[in-house]
Amino acid sequence: MEDWELIIVGAGVAGLTAGIYAVRSGLKTLILEEKIAGGAAADAPTIENYPGFERISGLELMQKIAAQCRKLGAEIHEFEKVTSLNLK
């Protein structure tokens, strides 16, 4: 079992953004997602109000954000359901 400095539960917009900032701060980061990375935004047929994109599908946008997160060094585990936490 690996040691992580930060574990983020949920790989929606907020979780992936937190992951980007975490790895850029030097934290060894794991992101857990019950389904596919992207959360509810990935289901949006079209997103037209996201900076830098005039029009993009939710799935494509979230794939780009997840790819950036991975490229920076965060590890994303999809299809990992968190059922309990043991905080120490």
N, C-alpha and C. Protein backbone atom coordinates (compact mmCIF):
# COMPACT_ATOMS: atom_id res chain seq x y z
N MET A 1 0.84 -1.18 0.00
CA MET A 1 0.00 0.00 0.00
C MET A 1 0.88 1.24 0.00
N GLU A 2 0.58 2.16 -0.90
CA GLU A 2 1.37 3.38 -1.01
C GLU A 2 0.95 4.40 0.03
N ASP A 3 1.89 5.26 0.37
CA ASP A 3 1.59 6.38 1.25
C ASP A 3 1.33 7.61 0.39
N TRP A 4 0.24 8.27 0.66
CA TRP A 4 -0.14 9.48 -0.06
C TRP A 4 -0.16 10.64 0.92
N GLU A 5 0.26 11.80 0.45
CA GLU A 5 0.18 12.99 1.29
C GLU A 5 -1.22 13.60 1.25
N LEU A 6 -1.93 13.36 0.15
CA LEU A 6 -3.29 13.87 0.00
C LEU A 6 -4.11 12.88 -0.80
N ILE A 7 -5.28 12.54 -0.29
CA ILE A 7 -6.23 11.70 -1.03
C ILE A 7 -7.49 12.53 -1.21
N ILE A 8 -7.90 12.68 -2.46
CA ILE A 8 -9.09 13.45 -2.81
C ILE A 8 -10.17 12.47 -3.21
N VAL A 9 -11.34 12.58 -2.62
CA VAL A 9 -12.46 11.71 -2.95
C VAL A 9 -13.36 12.47 -3.92
N GLY A 10 -13.40 11.99 -5.14
CA GLY A 10 -14.22 12.60 -6.18
C GLY A 10 -13.36 13.27 -7.24
N ALA A 11 -13.59 12.90 -8.49
CA ALA A 11 -12.82 13.45 -9.61
C ALA A 11 -13.70 14.28 -10.53
N GLY A 12 -14.57 15.09 -9.92
CA GLY A 12 -15.31 16.07 -10.70
C GLY A 12 -14.43 17.29 -10.89
N VAL A 13 -15.04 18.39 -11.30
CA VAL A 13 -14.28 19.62 -11.54
C VAL A 13 -13.50 20.03 -10.30
N ALA A 14 -14.16 20.03 -9.15
CA ALA A 14 -13.49 20.47 -7.91
C ALA A 14 -12.36 19.53 -7.51
N GLY A 15 -12.60 18.23 -7.57
CA GLY A 15 -11.58 17.27 -7.18
C GLY A 15 -10.36 17.31 -8.08
N LEU A 16 -10.59 17.42 -9.39
CA LEU A 16 -9.47 17.48 -10.32
C LEU A 16 -8.70 18.79 -10.18
N THR A 17 -9.42 19.88 -9.97
CA THR A 17 -8.75 21.17 -9.76
C THR A 17 -7.92 21.14 -8.49
N ALA A 18 -8.49 20.57 -7.43
CA ALA A 18 -7.73 20.42 -6.18
C ALA A 18 -6.48 19.57 -6.41
N GLY A 19 -6.62 18.53 -7.22
CA GLY A 19 -5.48 17.68 -7.54
C GLY A 19 -4.39 18.42 -8.27
N ILE A 20 -4.77 19.26 -9.21
CA ILE A 20 -3.79 20.06 -9.95
C ILE A 20 -3.01 20.96 -9.00
N TYR A 21 -3.73 21.67 -8.14
CA TYR A 21 -3.06 22.57 -7.19
C TYR A 21 -2.21 21.79 -6.20
N ALA A 22 -2.68 20.62 -5.79
CA ALA A 22 -1.93 19.81 -4.82
C ALA A 22 -0.59 19.35 -5.38
N VAL A 23 -0.62 18.78 -6.58
CA VAL A 23 0.65 18.29 -7.14
C VAL A 23 1.58 19.44 -7.48
N ARG A 24 1.03 20.56 -7.88
CA ARG A 24 1.88 21.73 -8.15
C ARG A 24 2.49 22.27 -6.87
N SER A 25 1.89 21.94 -5.74
CA SER A 25 2.45 22.32 -4.43
C SER A 25 3.42 21.28 -3.90
N GLY A 26 3.59 20.19 -4.64
CA GLY A 26 4.55 19.17 -4.25
C GLY A 26 3.99 18.02 -3.45
N LEU A 27 2.66 17.91 -3.35
CA LEU A 27 2.06 16.82 -2.58
C LEU A 27 1.85 15.58 -3.45
N LYS A 28 2.20 14.42 -2.91
CA LYS A 28 1.93 13.15 -3.58
C LYS A 28 0.42 12.90 -3.45
N THR A 29 -0.28 12.95 -4.59
CA THR A 29 -1.74 13.05 -4.58
C THR A 29 -2.41 11.88 -5.29
N LEU A 30 -3.43 11.35 -4.63
CA LEU A 30 -4.29 10.30 -5.20
C LEU A 30 -5.71 10.84 -5.25
N ILE A 31 -6.37 10.64 -6.38
CA ILE A 31 -7.76 11.04 -6.54
C ILE A 31 -8.57 9.77 -6.80
N LEU A 32 -9.61 9.56 -6.00
CA LEU A 32 -10.47 8.39 -6.14
C LEU A 32 -11.82 8.81 -6.71
N GLU A 33 -12.30 8.07 -7.69
CA GLU A 33 -13.58 8.39 -8.33
C GLU A 33 -14.39 7.11 -8.49
N GLU A 34 -15.65 7.17 -8.09
CA GLU A 34 -16.54 6.01 -8.16
C GLU A 34 -16.83 5.59 -9.60
N LYS A 35 -16.91 6.55 -10.50
CA LYS A 35 -17.20 6.24 -11.91
C LYS A 35 -16.00 6.68 -12.74
N ILE A 36 -16.25 7.43 -13.81
CA ILE A 36 -15.14 7.95 -14.61
C ILE A 36 -14.79 9.35 -14.14
N ALA A 37 -13.55 9.73 -14.32
CA ALA A 37 -13.13 11.08 -13.96
C ALA A 37 -13.96 12.08 -14.75
N GLY A 38 -14.41 13.10 -14.07
CA GLY A 38 -15.19 14.14 -14.73
C GLY A 38 -16.49 14.46 -14.02
N GLY A 39 -16.98 13.52 -13.23
CA GLY A 39 -18.21 13.77 -12.49
C GLY A 39 -19.38 14.12 -13.39
N ALA A 40 -20.31 14.90 -12.85
CA ALA A 40 -21.53 15.26 -13.58
C ALA A 40 -21.23 16.09 -14.82
N ALA A 41 -20.17 16.89 -14.79
CA ALA A 41 -19.83 17.73 -15.95
C ALA A 41 -19.54 16.88 -17.18
N ALA A 42 -19.03 15.68 -16.99
CA ALA A 42 -18.72 14.80 -18.13
C ALA A 42 -19.98 14.39 -18.89
N ASP A 43 -21.13 14.46 -18.23
CA ASP A 43 -22.39 14.09 -18.86
C ASP A 43 -23.01 15.22 -19.68
N ALA A 44 -22.49 16.43 -19.54
CA ALA A 44 -23.07 17.58 -20.25
C ALA A 44 -22.78 17.47 -21.75
N PRO A 45 -23.81 17.55 -22.58
CA PRO A 45 -23.58 17.45 -24.02
C PRO A 45 -22.70 18.59 -24.54
N THR A 46 -22.91 19.79 -24.00
CA THR A 46 -22.15 20.95 -24.44
C THR A 46 -21.93 21.89 -23.27
N ILE A 47 -20.71 22.42 -23.17
CA ILE A 47 -20.40 23.45 -22.19
C ILE A 47 -19.93 24.67 -22.97
N GLU A 48 -20.58 25.80 -22.73
CA GLU A 48 -20.26 27.01 -23.48
C GLU A 48 -19.78 28.14 -22.58
N ASN A 49 -19.63 27.90 -21.31
CA ASN A 49 -19.26 28.98 -20.41
C ASN A 49 -17.99 28.68 -19.62
N TYR A 50 -17.08 27.93 -20.21
CA TYR A 50 -15.83 27.61 -19.54
C TYR A 50 -14.71 28.41 -20.19
N PRO A 51 -13.93 29.14 -19.40
CA PRO A 51 -12.88 29.99 -19.97
C PRO A 51 -11.93 29.20 -20.89
N GLY A 52 -11.65 29.79 -22.04
CA GLY A 52 -10.71 29.18 -22.98
C GLY A 52 -11.37 28.31 -24.04
N PHE A 53 -12.64 28.02 -23.89
CA PHE A 53 -13.35 27.18 -24.86
C PHE A 53 -14.67 27.85 -25.23
N GLU A 54 -14.86 28.09 -26.51
CA GLU A 54 -16.15 28.65 -26.94
C GLU A 54 -17.25 27.61 -26.77
N ARG A 55 -16.93 26.39 -27.14
CA ARG A 55 -17.92 25.30 -27.05
C ARG A 55 -17.16 23.99 -27.00
N ILE A 56 -17.49 23.15 -26.03
CA ILE A 56 -16.81 21.87 -25.87
C ILE A 56 -17.77 20.91 -25.18
N SER A 57 -17.66 19.63 -25.49
CA SER A 57 -18.52 18.66 -24.78
C SER A 57 -17.99 18.51 -23.35
N GLY A 58 -18.88 18.21 -22.45
CA GLY A 58 -18.48 18.02 -21.06
C GLY A 58 -17.45 16.92 -20.92
N LEU A 59 -17.64 15.83 -21.65
CA LEU A 59 -16.71 14.71 -21.56
C LEU A 59 -15.32 15.13 -22.04
N GLU A 60 -15.26 15.84 -23.17
CA GLU A 60 -13.97 16.26 -23.71
C GLU A 60 -13.25 17.22 -22.74
N LEU A 61 -13.99 18.16 -22.19
CA LEU A 61 -13.39 19.10 -21.24
C LEU A 61 -12.84 18.37 -20.03
N MET A 62 -13.62 17.46 -19.48
CA MET A 62 -13.18 16.75 -18.28
C MET A 62 -12.01 15.82 -18.58
N GLN A 63 -11.98 15.24 -19.78
CA GLN A 63 -10.83 14.41 -20.17
C GLN A 63 -9.57 15.26 -20.24
N LYS A 64 -9.69 16.49 -20.73
CA LYS A 64 -8.54 17.39 -20.80
C LYS A 64 -8.05 17.77 -19.41
N ILE A 65 -8.98 18.04 -18.50
CA ILE A 65 -8.59 18.41 -17.14
C ILE A 65 -7.94 17.22 -16.44
N ALA A 66 -8.52 16.02 -16.61
CA ALA A 66 -7.94 14.82 -15.99
C ALA A 66 -6.55 14.54 -16.57
N ALA A 67 -6.38 14.74 -17.87
CA ALA A 67 -5.07 14.52 -18.50
C ALA A 67 -4.03 15.49 -17.94
N GLN A 68 -4.43 16.74 -17.75
CA GLN A 68 -3.51 17.72 -17.17
C GLN A 68 -3.12 17.31 -15.75
N CYS A 69 -4.09 16.85 -15.00
CA CYS A 69 -3.86 16.41 -13.63
C CYS A 69 -2.86 15.25 -13.60
N ARG A 70 -3.07 14.27 -14.46
CA ARG A 70 -2.16 13.12 -14.54
C ARG A 70 -0.76 13.53 -15.00
N LYS A 71 -0.71 14.42 -15.99
CA LYS A 71 0.58 14.86 -16.53
C LYS A 71 1.42 15.54 -15.44
N LEU A 72 0.76 16.25 -14.54
CA LEU A 72 1.46 16.93 -13.46
C LEU A 72 1.91 15.96 -12.36
N GLY A 73 1.32 14.76 -12.33
CA GLY A 73 1.78 13.76 -11.38
C GLY A 73 0.74 13.19 -10.43
N ALA A 74 -0.49 13.66 -10.52
CA ALA A 74 -1.54 13.08 -9.68
C ALA A 74 -1.92 11.71 -10.23
N GLU A 75 -2.28 10.82 -9.35
CA GLU A 75 -2.75 9.51 -9.77
C GLU A 75 -4.26 9.49 -9.58
N ILE A 76 -4.98 9.09 -10.62
CA ILE A 76 -6.45 9.03 -10.57
C ILE A 76 -6.86 7.58 -10.69
N HIS A 77 -7.62 7.11 -9.70
CA HIS A 77 -8.15 5.74 -9.74
C HIS A 77 -9.66 5.84 -9.98
N GLU A 78 -10.08 5.39 -11.16
CA GLU A 78 -11.50 5.39 -11.49
C GLU A 78 -12.11 4.06 -11.03
N PHE A 79 -13.42 4.07 -10.86
CA PHE A 79 -14.19 2.90 -10.43
C PHE A 79 -13.71 2.40 -9.07
N GLU A 80 -13.39 3.34 -8.19
CA GLU A 80 -13.00 3.06 -6.81
C GLU A 80 -14.01 3.74 -5.89
N LYS A 81 -14.92 2.97 -5.35
CA LYS A 81 -15.95 3.53 -4.48
C LYS A 81 -15.42 3.62 -3.06
N VAL A 82 -15.49 4.81 -2.49
CA VAL A 82 -15.08 5.02 -1.10
C VAL A 82 -16.30 4.76 -0.22
N THR A 83 -16.20 3.77 0.65
CA THR A 83 -17.33 3.43 1.51
C THR A 83 -17.11 3.85 2.95
N SER A 84 -15.85 4.07 3.32
CA SER A 84 -15.56 4.55 4.67
C SER A 84 -14.16 5.16 4.68
N LEU A 85 -13.93 5.98 5.69
CA LEU A 85 -12.62 6.62 5.87
C LEU A 85 -12.14 6.34 7.28
N ASN A 86 -10.86 6.07 7.40
CA ASN A 86 -10.24 5.90 8.71
C ASN A 86 -9.16 6.96 8.81
N LEU A 87 -9.49 8.06 9.44
CA LEU A 87 -8.57 9.19 9.53
C LEU A 87 -7.67 9.04 10.74
N LYS A 88 -6.37 9.26 10.54
CA LYS A 88 -5.42 9.14 11.64
C LYS A 88 -4.69 10.44 11.82
